Amino acid sequence: MKRIAFIASAVAGLILTAASPSVFAQAPVGDAKAGAQNIQRCQGCHGIDGWRTAFPEVYKVPKIGGQHSTYFVSALKAYKSGDRKHPGMRSIAVSLSDKDMADLAAYYAEVK
């Protein structure tokens, strides 16, 4: 059920993006070099190809390298606010400032 809610949320985001392409023009400005100094929290799960986690349920951890910076920041803010439900991601997101999020987004947007 959680996966269906996530997919529905992603589809809604795509529809919003298609309806208003200027969303991507408003990507947060971050410093990729500063972001590279702050990836330790991400690499434990997202830095391992094919990694699967068993908490809170078994699923494949998504790849974040190459992710669009606007989407990346939006996802982190949703975890921070509780709109996206994942205890591990929420605990990480609440510790990040808006600048941290923008810097990480800039870094991961460049990493493939």
PDB file of N, CA and C in Angstrom:
ATOM      1  N   MET A   1       0.811  -1.187   0.000  1.00  0.00           N
ATOM      2  CA  MET A   1       0.000   0.000   0.000  1.00  0.00           C
ATOM      3  C   MET A   1       0.865   1.266   0.000  1.00  0.00           C
ATOM      4  N   LYS A   2       1.977   1.229   0.755  1.00  0.00           N
ATOM      5  CA  LYS A   2       2.866   2.388   0.800  1.00  0.00           C
ATOM      6  C   LYS A   2       3.464   2.659  -0.572  1.00  0.00           C
ATOM      7  N   ARG A   3       3.800   1.574  -1.268  1.00  0.00           N
ATOM      8  CA  ARG A   3       4.390   1.720  -2.593  1.00  0.00           C
ATOM      9  C   ARG A   3       3.393   2.361  -3.548  1.00  0.00           C
ATOM     10  N   ILE A   4       2.109   1.994  -3.443  1.00  0.00           N
ATOM     11  CA  ILE A   4       1.079   2.573  -4.297  1.00  0.00           C
ATOM     12  C   ILE A   4       0.945   4.064  -4.013  1.00  0.00           C
ATOM     13  N   ALA A   5       0.978   4.433  -2.738  1.00  0.00           N
ATOM     14  CA  ALA A   5       0.893   5.851  -2.375  1.00  0.00           C
ATOM     15  C   ALA A   5       2.088   6.614  -2.932  1.00  0.00           C
ATOM     16  N   PHE A   6       3.288   6.019  -2.867  1.00  0.00           N
ATOM     17  CA  PHE A   6       4.483   6.664  -3.400  1.00  0.00           C
ATOM     18  C   PHE A   6       4.341   6.865  -4.908  1.00  0.00           C
ATOM     19  N   ILE A   7       3.878   5.826  -5.617  1.00  0.00           N
ATOM     20  CA  ILE A   7       3.704   5.912  -7.072  1.00  0.00           C
ATOM     21  C   ILE A   7       2.680   6.987  -7.412  1.00  0.00           C
ATOM     22  N   ALA A   8       1.577   7.022  -6.657  1.00  0.00           N
ATOM     23  CA  ALA A   8       0.553   8.037  -6.903  1.00  0.00           C
ATOM     24  C   ALA A   8       1.128   9.431  -6.704  1.00  0.00           C
ATOM     25  N   SER A   9       1.955   9.595  -5.672  1.00  0.00           N
ATOM     26  CA  SER A   9       2.592  10.879  -5.408  1.00  0.00           C
ATOM     27  C   SER A   9       3.531  11.263  -6.551  1.00  0.00           C
ATOM     28  N   ALA A  10       4.299  10.298  -7.033  1.00  0.00           N
ATOM     29  CA  ALA A  10       5.230  10.555  -8.132  1.00  0.00           C
ATOM     30  C   ALA A  10       4.488  10.945  -9.401  1.00  0.00           C
ATOM     31  N   VAL A  11       3.376  10.243  -9.686  1.00  0.00           N
ATOM     32  CA  VAL A  11       2.582  10.554 -10.870  1.00  0.00           C
ATOM     33  C   VAL A  11       1.996  11.956 -10.751  1.00  0.00           C
ATOM     34  N   ALA A  12       1.499  12.289  -9.569  1.00  0.00           N
ATOM     35  CA  ALA A  12       0.958  13.632  -9.352  1.00  0.00           C
ATOM     36  C   ALA A  12       2.039  14.681  -9.602  1.00  0.00           C
ATOM     37  N   GLY A  13       3.263  14.402  -9.163  1.00  0.00           N
ATOM     38  CA  GLY A  13       4.375  15.318  -9.394  1.00  0.00           C
ATOM     39  C   GLY A  13       4.687  15.476 -10.870  1.00  0.00           C
ATOM     40  N   LEU A  14       4.599  14.373 -11.613  1.00  0.00           N
ATOM     41  CA  LEU A  14       4.841  14.440 -13.057  1.00  0.00           C
ATOM     42  C   LEU A  14       3.765  15.251 -13.753  1.00  0.00           C
ATOM     43  N   ILE A  15       2.522  15.075 -13.309  1.00  0.00           N
ATOM     44  CA  ILE A  15       1.432  15.834 -13.906  1.00  0.00           C
ATOM     45  C   ILE A  15       1.623  17.316 -13.633  1.00  0.00           C
ATOM     46  N   LEU A  16       1.988  17.661 -12.406  1.00  0.00           N
ATOM     47  CA  LEU A  16       2.251  19.050 -12.041  1.00  0.00           C
ATOM     48  C   LEU A  16       3.381  19.608 -12.896  1.00  0.00           C
ATOM     49  N   THR A  17       4.430  18.809 -13.058  1.00  0.00           N
ATOM     50  CA  THR A  17       5.581  19.241 -13.844  1.00  0.00           C
ATOM     51  C   THR A  17       5.191  19.459 -15.300  1.00  0.00           C
ATOM     52  N   ALA A  18       4.395  18.548 -15.843  1.00  0.00           N
ATOM     53  CA  ALA A  18       3.960  18.678 -17.229  1.00  0.00           C
ATOM     54  C   ALA A  18       3.076  19.905 -17.401  1.00  0.00           C
ATOM     55  N   ALA A  19       2.275  20.207 -16.376  1.00  0.00           N
ATOM     56  CA  ALA A  19       1.381  21.348 -16.450  1.00  0.00           C
ATOM     57  C   ALA A  19       2.130  22.659 -16.290  1.00  0.00           C
ATOM     58  N   SER A  20       3.224  22.643 -15.554  1.00  0.00           N
ATOM     59  CA  SER A  20       3.969  23.875 -15.324  1.00  0.00           C
ATOM     60  C   SER A  20       5.462  23.615 -15.430  1.00  0.00           C
ATOM     61  N   PRO A  21       5.994  23.644 -16.658  1.00  0.00           N
ATOM     62  CA  PRO A  21       7.413  23.339 -16.864  1.00  0.00           C
ATOM     63  C   PRO A  21       8.363  24.277 -16.145  1.00  0.00           C
ATOM     64  N   SER A  22       7.877  25.419 -15.685  1.00  0.00           N
ATOM     65  CA  SER A  22       8.758  26.348 -14.992  1.00  0.00           C
ATOM     66  C   SER A  22       9.230  25.804 -13.649  1.00  0.00           C
ATOM     67  N   VAL A  23       8.625  24.721 -13.163  1.00  0.00           N
ATOM     68  CA  VAL A  23       9.051  24.120 -11.897  1.00  0.00           C
ATOM     69  C   VAL A  23      10.525  23.762 -11.962  1.00  0.00           C
ATOM     70  N   PHE A  24      10.967  23.194 -13.090  1.00  0.00           N
ATOM     71  CA  PHE A  24      12.361  22.811 -13.207  1.00  0.00           C
ATOM     72  C   PHE A  24      13.273  24.017 -13.367  1.00  0.00           C
ATOM     73  N   ALA A  25      12.751  25.118 -13.847  1.00  0.00           N
ATOM     74  CA  ALA A  25      13.558  26.324 -13.991  1.00  0.00           C
ATOM     75  C   ALA A  25      13.897  26.912 -12.618  1.00  0.00           C
ATOM     76  N   GLN A  26      13.144  26.523 -11.586  1.00  0.00           N
ATOM     77  CA  GLN A  26      13.342  27.068 -10.255  1.00  0.00           C
ATOM     78  C   GLN A  26      14.144  26.119  -9.370  1.00  0.00           C
ATOM     79  N   ALA A  27      15.036  25.382  -9.971  1.00  0.00           N
ATOM     80  CA  ALA A  27      15.854  24.441  -9.213  1.00  0.00           C
ATOM     81  C   ALA A  27      16.652  25.191  -8.148  1.00  0.00           C
ATOM     82  N   PRO A  28      16.770  24.608  -6.963  1.00  0.00           N
ATOM     83  CA  PRO A  28      17.534  25.276  -5.912  1.00  0.00           C
ATOM     84  C   PRO A  28      18.997  25.410  -6.320  1.00  0.00           C
ATOM     85  N   VAL A  29      19.608  26.490  -5.899  1.00  0.00           N
ATOM     86  CA  VAL A  29      21.017  26.709  -6.204  1.00  0.00           C
ATOM     87  C   VAL A  29      21.829  26.131  -5.055  1.00  0.00           C
ATOM     88  N   GLY A  30      22.648  25.165  -5.380  1.00  0.00           N
ATOM     89  CA  GLY A  30      23.483  24.553  -4.363  1.00  0.00           C
ATOM     90  C   GLY A  30      24.915  24.473  -4.842  1.00  0.00           C
ATOM     91  N   ASP A  31      25.789  24.144  -3.940  1.00  0.00           N
ATOM     92  CA  ASP A  31      27.213  24.013  -4.216  1.00  0.00           C
ATOM     93  C   ASP A  31      27.574  22.528  -4.200  1.00  0.00           C
ATOM     94  N   ALA A  32      27.844  21.976  -5.373  1.00  0.00           N
ATOM     95  CA  ALA A  32      28.139  20.546  -5.484  1.00  0.00           C
ATOM     96  C   ALA A  32      29.363  20.150  -4.665  1.00  0.00           C
ATOM     97  N   LYS A  33      30.360  21.018  -4.597  1.00  0.00           N
ATOM     98  CA  LYS A  33      31.559  20.701  -3.806  1.00  0.00           C
ATOM     99  C   LYS A  33      31.219  20.621  -2.315  1.00  0.00           C
ATOM    100  N   ALA A  34      30.369  21.518  -1.842  1.00  0.00           N
ATOM    101  CA  ALA A  34      29.938  21.456  -0.443  1.00  0.00           C
ATOM    102  C   ALA A  34      29.085  20.206  -0.220  1.00  0.00           C
ATOM    103  N   GLY A  35      28.258  19.881  -1.193  1.00  0.00           N
ATOM    104  CA  GLY A  35      27.426  18.680  -1.096  1.00  0.00           C
ATOM    105  C   GLY A  35      28.264  17.419  -1.007  1.00  0.00           C
ATOM    106  N   ALA A  36      29.365  17.391  -1.735  1.00  0.00           N
ATOM    107  CA  ALA A  36      30.258  16.226  -1.722  1.00  0.00           C
ATOM    108  C   ALA A  36      30.848  15.987  -0.338  1.00  0.00           C
ATOM    109  N   GLN A  37      30.932  17.038   0.468  1.00  0.00           N
ATOM    110  CA  GLN A  37      31.472  16.907   1.824  1.00  0.00           C
ATOM    111  C   GLN A  37      30.419  16.404   2.819  1.00  0.00           C
ATOM    112  N   ASN A  38      29.177  16.223   2.340  1.00  0.00           N
ATOM    113  CA  ASN A  38      28.073  15.895   3.240  1.00  0.00           C
ATOM    114  C   ASN A  38      27.316  14.634   2.809  1.00  0.00           C
ATOM    115  N   ILE A  39      27.948  13.770   2.028  1.00  0.00           N
ATOM    116  CA  ILE A  39      27.228  12.619   1.481  1.00  0.00           C
ATOM    117  C   ILE A  39      27.270  11.370   2.363  1.00  0.00           C
ATOM    118  N   GLN A  40      27.962  11.428   3.488  1.00  0.00           N
ATOM    119  CA  GLN A  40      28.118  10.240   4.325  1.00  0.00           C
ATOM    120  C   GLN A  40      26.768   9.628   4.702  1.00  0.00           C
ATOM    121  N   ARG A  41      25.808  10.469   5.022  1.00  0.00           N
ATOM    122  CA  ARG A  41      24.487   9.968   5.424  1.00  0.00           C
ATOM    123  C   ARG A  41      23.763   9.276   4.286  1.00  0.00           C
ATOM    124  N   CYS A  42      24.077   9.646   3.073  1.00  0.00           N
ATOM    125  CA  CYS A  42      23.387   9.093   1.899  1.00  0.00           C
ATOM    126  C   CYS A  42      24.030   7.791   1.420  1.00  0.00           C
ATOM    127  N   GLN A  43      25.355   7.769   1.465  1.00  0.00           N
ATOM    128  CA  GLN A  43      26.112   6.674   0.865  1.00  0.00           C
ATOM    129  C   GLN A  43      25.860   5.309   1.505  1.00  0.00           C
ATOM    130  N   GLY A  44      25.510   5.291   2.778  1.00  0.00           N
ATOM    131  CA  GLY A  44      25.289   4.018   3.461  1.00  0.00           C
ATOM    132  C   GLY A  44      24.238   3.155   2.800  1.00  0.00           C
ATOM    133  N   CYS A  45      23.269   3.775   2.157  1.00  0.00           N
ATOM    134  CA  CYS A  45      22.217   3.023   1.456  1.00  0.00           C
ATOM    135  C   CYS A  45      22.242   3.295  -0.046  1.00  0.00           C
ATOM    136  N   HIS A  46      22.274   4.580  -0.418  1.00  0.00           N
ATOM    137  CA  HIS A  46      22.168   4.949  -1.824  1.00  0.00           C
ATOM    138  C   HIS A  46      23.472   4.786  -2.591  1.00  0.00           C
ATOM    139  N   GLY A  47      24.558   4.520  -1.903  1.00  0.00           N
ATOM    140  CA  GLY A  47      25.845   4.378  -2.569  1.00  0.00           C
ATOM    141  C   GLY A  47      26.219   2.944  -2.886  1.00  0.00           C
ATOM    142  N   ILE A  48      25.313   2.015  -2.630  1.00  0.00           N
ATOM    143  CA  ILE A  48      25.598   0.598  -2.856  1.00  0.00           C
ATOM    144  C   ILE A  48      24.676   0.094  -3.959  1.00  0.00           C
ATOM    145  N   ASP A  49      25.250  -0.253  -5.120  1.00  0.00           N
ATOM    146  CA  ASP A  49      24.436  -0.749  -6.239  1.00  0.00           C
ATOM    147  C   ASP A  49      23.630  -1.974  -5.831  1.00  0.00           C
ATOM    148  N   GLY A  50      22.338  -1.929  -6.134  1.00  0.00           N
ATOM    149  CA  GLY A  50      21.466  -3.066  -5.877  1.00  0.00           C
ATOM    150  C   GLY A  50      21.110  -3.269  -4.412  1.00  0.00           C
ATOM    151  N   TRP A  51      21.418  -2.319  -3.546  1.00  0.00           N
ATOM    152  CA  TRP A  51      21.159  -2.459  -2.114  1.00  0.00           C
ATOM    153  C   TRP A  51      19.670  -2.590  -1.847  1.00  0.00           C
ATOM    154  N   ARG A  52      19.333  -3.491  -0.970  1.00  0.00           N
ATOM    155  CA  ARG A  52      17.958  -3.654  -0.493  1.00  0.00           C
ATOM    156  C   ARG A  52      17.969  -3.463   1.002  1.00  0.00           C
ATOM    157  N   THR A  53      16.916  -2.889   1.507  1.00  0.00           N
ATOM    158  CA  THR A  53      16.805  -2.672   2.940  1.00  0.00           C
ATOM    159  C   THR A  53      15.605  -3.436   3.480  1.00  0.00           C
ATOM    160  N   ALA A  54      15.616  -3.721   4.735  1.00  0.00           N
ATOM    161  CA  ALA A  54      14.523  -4.473   5.337  1.00  0.00           C
ATOM    162  C   ALA A  54      13.759  -3.634   6.355  1.00  0.00           C
ATOM    163  N   PHE A  55      13.972  -2.321   6.363  1.00  0.00           N
ATOM    164  CA  PHE A  55      13.265  -1.474   7.317  1.00  0.00           C
ATOM    165  C   PHE A  55      12.759  -0.231   6.625  1.00  0.00           C
ATOM    166  N   PRO A  56      11.539   0.128   6.705  1.00  0.00           N
ATOM    167  CA  PRO A  56      10.467  -0.551   7.429  1.00  0.00           C
ATOM    168  C   PRO A  56       9.873  -1.742   6.684  1.00  0.00           C
ATOM    169  N   GLU A  57      10.231  -1.935   5.445  1.00  0.00           N
ATOM    170  CA  GLU A  57       9.835  -3.114   4.679  1.00  0.00           C
ATOM    171  C   GLU A  57      10.949  -3.397   3.671  1.00  0.00           C
ATOM    172  N   VAL A  58      10.948  -4.562   3.074  1.00  0.00           N
ATOM    173  CA  VAL A  58      12.000  -4.898   2.112  1.00  0.00           C
ATOM    174  C   VAL A  58      11.703  -4.189   0.790  1.00  0.00           C
ATOM    175  N   TYR A  59      12.658  -3.448   0.305  1.00  0.00           N
ATOM    176  CA  TYR A  59      12.547  -2.781  -0.985  1.00  0.00           C
ATOM    177  C   TYR A  59      13.931  -2.422  -1.486  1.00  0.00           C
ATOM    178  N   LYS A  60      14.034  -2.201  -2.769  1.00  0.00           N
ATOM    179  CA  LYS A  60      15.298  -1.793  -3.368  1.00  0.00           C
ATOM    180  C   LYS A  60      15.481  -0.294  -3.132  1.00  0.00           C
ATOM    181  N   VAL A  61      16.628   0.079  -2.641  1.00  0.00           N
ATOM    182  CA  VAL A  61      16.922   1.488  -2.375  1.00  0.00           C
ATOM    183  C   VAL A  61      17.121   2.198  -3.722  1.00  0.00           C
ATOM    184  N   PRO A  62      16.419   3.311  -3.935  1.00  0.00           N
ATOM    185  CA  PRO A  62      16.526   3.989  -5.231  1.00  0.00           C
ATOM    186  C   PRO A  62      17.876   4.653  -5.456  1.00  0.00           C
ATOM    187  N   LYS A  63      18.240   4.731  -6.705  1.00  0.00           N
ATOM    188  CA  LYS A  63      19.451   5.437  -7.119  1.00  0.00           C
ATOM    189  C   LYS A  63      19.168   6.937  -7.049  1.00  0.00           C
ATOM    190  N   ILE A  64      20.081   7.694  -6.476  1.00  0.00           N
ATOM    191  CA  ILE A  64      19.863   9.140  -6.405  1.00  0.00           C
ATOM    192  C   ILE A  64      20.852   9.923  -7.266  1.00  0.00           C
ATOM    193  N   GLY A  65      21.885   9.271  -7.757  1.00  0.00           N
ATOM    194  CA  GLY A  65      22.825   9.926  -8.659  1.00  0.00           C
ATOM    195  C   GLY A  65      22.133  10.282  -9.957  1.00  0.00           C
ATOM    196  N   GLY A  66      22.278  11.525 -10.390  1.00  0.00           N
ATOM    197  CA  GLY A  66      21.657  11.981 -11.631  1.00  0.00           C
ATOM    198  C   GLY A  66      20.248  12.511 -11.428  1.00  0.00           C
ATOM    199  N   GLN A  67      19.770  12.505 -10.201  1.00  0.00           N
ATOM    200  CA  GLN A  67      18.421  12.982  -9.914  1.00  0.00           C
ATOM    201  C   GLN A  67      18.349  14.503 -10.093  1.00  0.00           C
ATOM    202  N   HIS A  68      17.254  14.985 -10.646  1.00  0.00           N
ATOM    203  CA  HIS A  68      17.075  16.422 -10.852  1.00  0.00           C
ATOM    204  C   HIS A  68      17.036  17.118  -9.497  1.00  0.00           C
ATOM    205  N   SER A  69      17.741  18.234  -9.370  1.00  0.00           N
ATOM    206  CA  SER A  69      17.901  18.893  -8.074  1.00  0.00           C
ATOM    207  C   SER A  69      16.578  19.362  -7.468  1.00  0.00           C
ATOM    208  N   THR A  70      15.640  19.827  -8.288  1.00  0.00           N
ATOM    209  CA  THR A  70      14.356  20.276  -7.756  1.00  0.00           C
ATOM    210  C   THR A  70      13.609  19.107  -7.122  1.00  0.00           C
ATOM    211  N   TYR A  71      13.593  17.984  -7.812  1.00  0.00           N
ATOM    212  CA  TYR A  71      12.928  16.794  -7.273  1.00  0.00           C
ATOM    213  C   TYR A  71      13.628  16.329  -5.997  1.00  0.00           C
ATOM    214  N   PHE A  72      14.943  16.326  -6.008  1.00  0.00           N
ATOM    215  CA  PHE A  72      15.741  15.869  -4.868  1.00  0.00           C
ATOM    216  C   PHE A  72      15.401  16.681  -3.616  1.00  0.00           C
ATOM    217  N   VAL A  73      15.405  17.993  -3.745  1.00  0.00           N
ATOM    218  CA  VAL A  73      15.100  18.859  -2.599  1.00  0.00           C
ATOM    219  C   VAL A  73      13.651  18.676  -2.170  1.00  0.00           C
ATOM    220  N   SER A  74      12.758  18.583  -3.134  1.00  0.00           N
ATOM    221  CA  SER A  74      11.345  18.385  -2.822  1.00  0.00           C
ATOM    222  C   SER A  74      11.130  17.093  -2.021  1.00  0.00           C
ATOM    223  N   ALA A  75      11.815  16.031  -2.427  1.00  0.00           N
ATOM    224  CA  ALA A  75      11.694  14.752  -1.715  1.00  0.00           C
ATOM    225  C   ALA A  75      12.225  14.869  -0.288  1.00  0.00           C
ATOM    226  N   LEU A  76      13.387  15.500  -0.128  1.00  0.00           N
ATOM    227  CA  LEU A  76      13.942  15.662   1.217  1.00  0.00           C
ATOM    228  C   LEU A  76      13.028  16.497   2.108  1.00  0.00           C
ATOM    229  N   LYS A  77      12.449  17.544   1.556  1.00  0.00           N
ATOM    230  CA  LYS A  77      11.533  18.377   2.342  1.00  0.00           C
ATOM    231  C   LYS A  77      10.279  17.596   2.729  1.00  0.00           C
ATOM    232  N   ALA A  78       9.824  16.722   1.835  1.00  0.00           N
ATOM    233  CA  ALA A  78       8.648  15.898   2.147  1.00  0.00           C
ATOM    234  C   ALA A  78       8.961  14.897   3.259  1.00  0.00           C
ATOM    235  N   TYR A  79      10.169  14.345   3.254  1.00  0.00           N
ATOM    236  CA  TYR A  79      10.569  13.468   4.362  1.00  0.00           C
ATOM    237  C   TYR A  79      10.663  14.269   5.660  1.00  0.00           C
ATOM    238  N   LYS A  80      11.222  15.457   5.568  1.00  0.00           N
ATOM    239  CA  LYS A  80      11.410  16.295   6.756  1.00  0.00           C
ATOM    240  C   LYS A  80      10.059  16.689   7.373  1.00  0.00           C
ATOM    241  N   SER A  81       9.097  17.009   6.535  1.00  0.00           N
ATOM    242  CA  SER A  81       7.784  17.429   7.024  1.00  0.00           C
ATOM    243  C   SER A  81       6.911  16.254   7.460  1.00  0.00           C
ATOM    244  N   GLY A  82       7.287  15.050   7.027  1.00  0.00           N
ATOM    245  CA  GLY A  82       6.468  13.882   7.347  1.00  0.00           C
ATOM    246  C   GLY A  82       5.481  13.526   6.254  1.00  0.00           C
ATOM    247  N   ASP A  83       5.461  14.312   5.154  1.00  0.00           N
ATOM    248  CA  ASP A  83       4.568  13.985   4.040  1.00  0.00           C
ATOM    249  C   ASP A  83       4.958  12.669   3.374  1.00  0.00           C
ATOM    250  N   ARG A  84       6.242  12.379   3.360  1.00  0.00           N
ATOM    251  CA  ARG A  84       6.729  11.063   2.916  1.00  0.00           C
ATOM    252  C   ARG A  84       7.096  10.289   4.162  1.00  0.00           C
ATOM    253  N   LYS A  85       6.675   9.050   4.197  1.00  0.00           N
ATOM    254  CA  LYS A  85       6.847   8.229   5.396  1.00  0.00           C
ATOM    255  C   LYS A  85       7.992   7.245   5.223  1.00  0.00           C
ATOM    256  N   HIS A  86       9.070   7.485   5.896  1.00  0.00           N
ATOM    257  CA  HIS A  86      10.165   6.534   6.005  1.00  0.00           C
ATOM    258  C   HIS A  86      10.999   6.983   7.198  1.00  0.00           C
ATOM    259  N   PRO A  87      11.006   6.194   8.284  1.00  0.00           N
ATOM    260  CA  PRO A  87      11.675   6.640   9.506  1.00  0.00           C
ATOM    261  C   PRO A  87      13.149   6.996   9.321  1.00  0.00           C
ATOM    262  N   GLY A  88      13.885   6.199   8.562  1.00  0.00           N
ATOM    263  CA  GLY A  88      15.308   6.471   8.356  1.00  0.00           C
ATOM    264  C   GLY A  88      15.537   7.752   7.577  1.00  0.00           C
ATOM    265  N   MET A  89      14.781   7.932   6.504  1.00  0.00           N
ATOM    266  CA  MET A  89      14.928   9.145   5.703  1.00  0.00           C
ATOM    267  C   MET A  89      14.460  10.374   6.473  1.00  0.00           C
ATOM    268  N   ARG A  90      13.421  10.226   7.260  1.00  0.00           N
ATOM    269  CA  ARG A  90      12.947  11.368   8.049  1.00  0.00           C
ATOM    270  C   ARG A  90      14.023  11.809   9.045  1.00  0.00           C
ATOM    271  N   SER A  91      14.663  10.843   9.705  1.00  0.00           N
ATOM    272  CA  SER A  91      15.681  11.203  10.696  1.00  0.00           C
ATOM    273  C   SER A  91      16.867  11.915  10.039  1.00  0.00           C
ATOM    274  N   ILE A  92      17.167  11.556   8.831  1.00  0.00           N
ATOM    275  CA  ILE A  92      18.250  12.236   8.111  1.00  0.00           C
ATOM    276  C   ILE A  92      17.785  13.616   7.649  1.00  0.00           C
ATOM    277  N   ALA A  93      16.598  13.678   7.056  1.00  0.00           N
ATOM    278  CA  ALA A  93      16.108  14.940   6.493  1.00  0.00           C
ATOM    279  C   ALA A  93      15.922  16.024   7.550  1.00  0.00           C
ATOM    280  N   VAL A  94      15.464  15.654   8.750  1.00  0.00           N
ATOM    281  CA  VAL A  94      15.258  16.681   9.779  1.00  0.00           C
ATOM    282  C   VAL A  94      16.580  17.302  10.229  1.00  0.00           C
ATOM    283  N   SER A  95      17.677  16.608   9.981  1.00  0.00           N
ATOM    284  CA  SER A  95      18.979  17.149  10.382  1.00  0.00           C
ATOM    285  C   SER A  95      19.590  18.053   9.311  1.00  0.00           C
ATOM    286  N   LEU A  96      18.944  18.165   8.154  1.00  0.00           N
ATOM    287  CA  LEU A  96      19.483  18.944   7.038  1.00  0.00           C
ATOM    288  C   LEU A  96      18.855  20.333   6.962  1.00  0.00           C
ATOM    289  N   SER A  97      19.682  21.330   6.752  1.00  0.00           N
ATOM    290  CA  SER A  97      19.178  22.684   6.496  1.00  0.00           C
ATOM    291  C   SER A  97      18.789  22.777   5.021  1.00  0.00           C
ATOM    292  N   ASP A  98      18.112  23.847   4.648  1.00  0.00           N
ATOM    293  CA  ASP A  98      17.774  24.056   3.236  1.00  0.00           C
ATOM    294  C   ASP A  98      19.044  24.131   2.388  1.00  0.00           C
ATOM    295  N   LYS A  99      20.095  24.749   2.924  1.00  0.00           N
ATOM    296  CA  LYS A  99      21.365  24.830   2.187  1.00  0.00           C
ATOM    297  C   LYS A  99      21.976  23.449   2.023  1.00  0.00           C
ATOM    298  N   ASP A 100      21.942  22.633   3.079  1.00  0.00           N
ATOM    299  CA  ASP A 100      22.453  21.259   2.972  1.00  0.00           C
ATOM    300  C   ASP A 100      21.722  20.514   1.862  1.00  0.00           C
ATOM    301  N   MET A 101      20.405  20.651   1.843  1.00  0.00           N
ATOM    302  CA  MET A 101      19.596  19.964   0.825  1.00  0.00           C
ATOM    303  C   MET A 101      19.977  20.433  -0.574  1.00  0.00           C
ATOM    304  N   ALA A 102      20.106  21.741  -0.754  1.00  0.00           N
ATOM    305  CA  ALA A 102      20.464  22.278  -2.070  1.00  0.00           C
ATOM    306  C   ALA A 102      21.862  21.820  -2.489  1.00  0.00           C
ATOM    307  N   ASP A 103      22.796  21.788  -1.547  1.00  0.00           N
ATOM    308  CA  ASP A 103      24.162  21.345  -1.856  1.00  0.00           C
ATOM    309  C   ASP A 103      24.181  19.864  -2.238  1.00  0.00           C
ATOM    310  N   LEU A 104      23.469  19.034  -1.478  1.00  0.00           N
ATOM    311  CA  LEU A 104      23.389  17.603  -1.809  1.00  0.00           C
ATOM    312  C   LEU A 104      22.724  17.406  -3.168  1.00  0.00           C
ATOM    313  N   ALA A 105      21.675  18.187  -3.421  1.00  0.00           N
ATOM    314  CA  ALA A 105      20.980  18.095  -4.711  1.00  0.00           C
ATOM    315  C   ALA A 105      21.924  18.452  -5.856  1.00  0.00           C
ATOM    316  N   ALA A 106      22.726  19.489  -5.674  1.00  0.00           N
ATOM    317  CA  ALA A 106      23.675  19.892  -6.714  1.00  0.00           C
ATOM    318  C   ALA A 106      24.700  18.791  -6.953  1.00  0.00           C
ATOM    319  N   TYR A 107      25.176  18.199  -5.891  1.00  0.00           N
ATOM    320  CA  TYR A 107      26.159  17.116  -6.011  1.00  0.00           C
ATOM    321  C   TYR A 107      25.542  15.917  -6.755  1.00  0.00           C
ATOM    322  N   TYR A 108      24.402  15.447  -6.283  1.00  0.00           N
ATOM    323  CA  TYR A 108      23.815  14.254  -6.891  1.00  0.00           C
ATOM    324  C   TYR A 108      23.286  14.496  -8.299  1.00  0.00           C
ATOM    325  N   ALA A 109      22.942  15.728  -8.640  1.00  0.00           N
ATOM    326  CA  ALA A 109      22.532  16.027 -10.005  1.00  0.00           C
ATOM    327  C   ALA A 109      23.686  15.823 -10.985  1.00  0.00           C
ATOM    328  N   GLU A 110      24.919  16.012 -10.490  1.00  0.00           N
ATOM    329  CA  GLU A 110      26.111  15.844 -11.338  1.00  0.00           C
ATOM    330  C   GLU A 110      26.623  14.421 -11.383  1.00  0.00           C
ATOM    331  N   VAL A 111      26.287  13.616 -10.382  1.00  0.00           N
ATOM    332  CA  VAL A 111      26.790  12.242 -10.281  1.00  0.00           C
ATOM    333  C   VAL A 111      25.887  11.315 -11.079  1.00  0.00           C
ATOM    334  N   LYS A 112      26.467  10.489 -11.887  1.00  0.00           N
ATOM    335  CA  LYS A 112      25.652   9.546 -12.688  1.00  0.00           C
ATOM    336  C   LYS A 112      25.794   8.144 -12.181  1.00  0.00           C
TER     337      LYS A 112
END
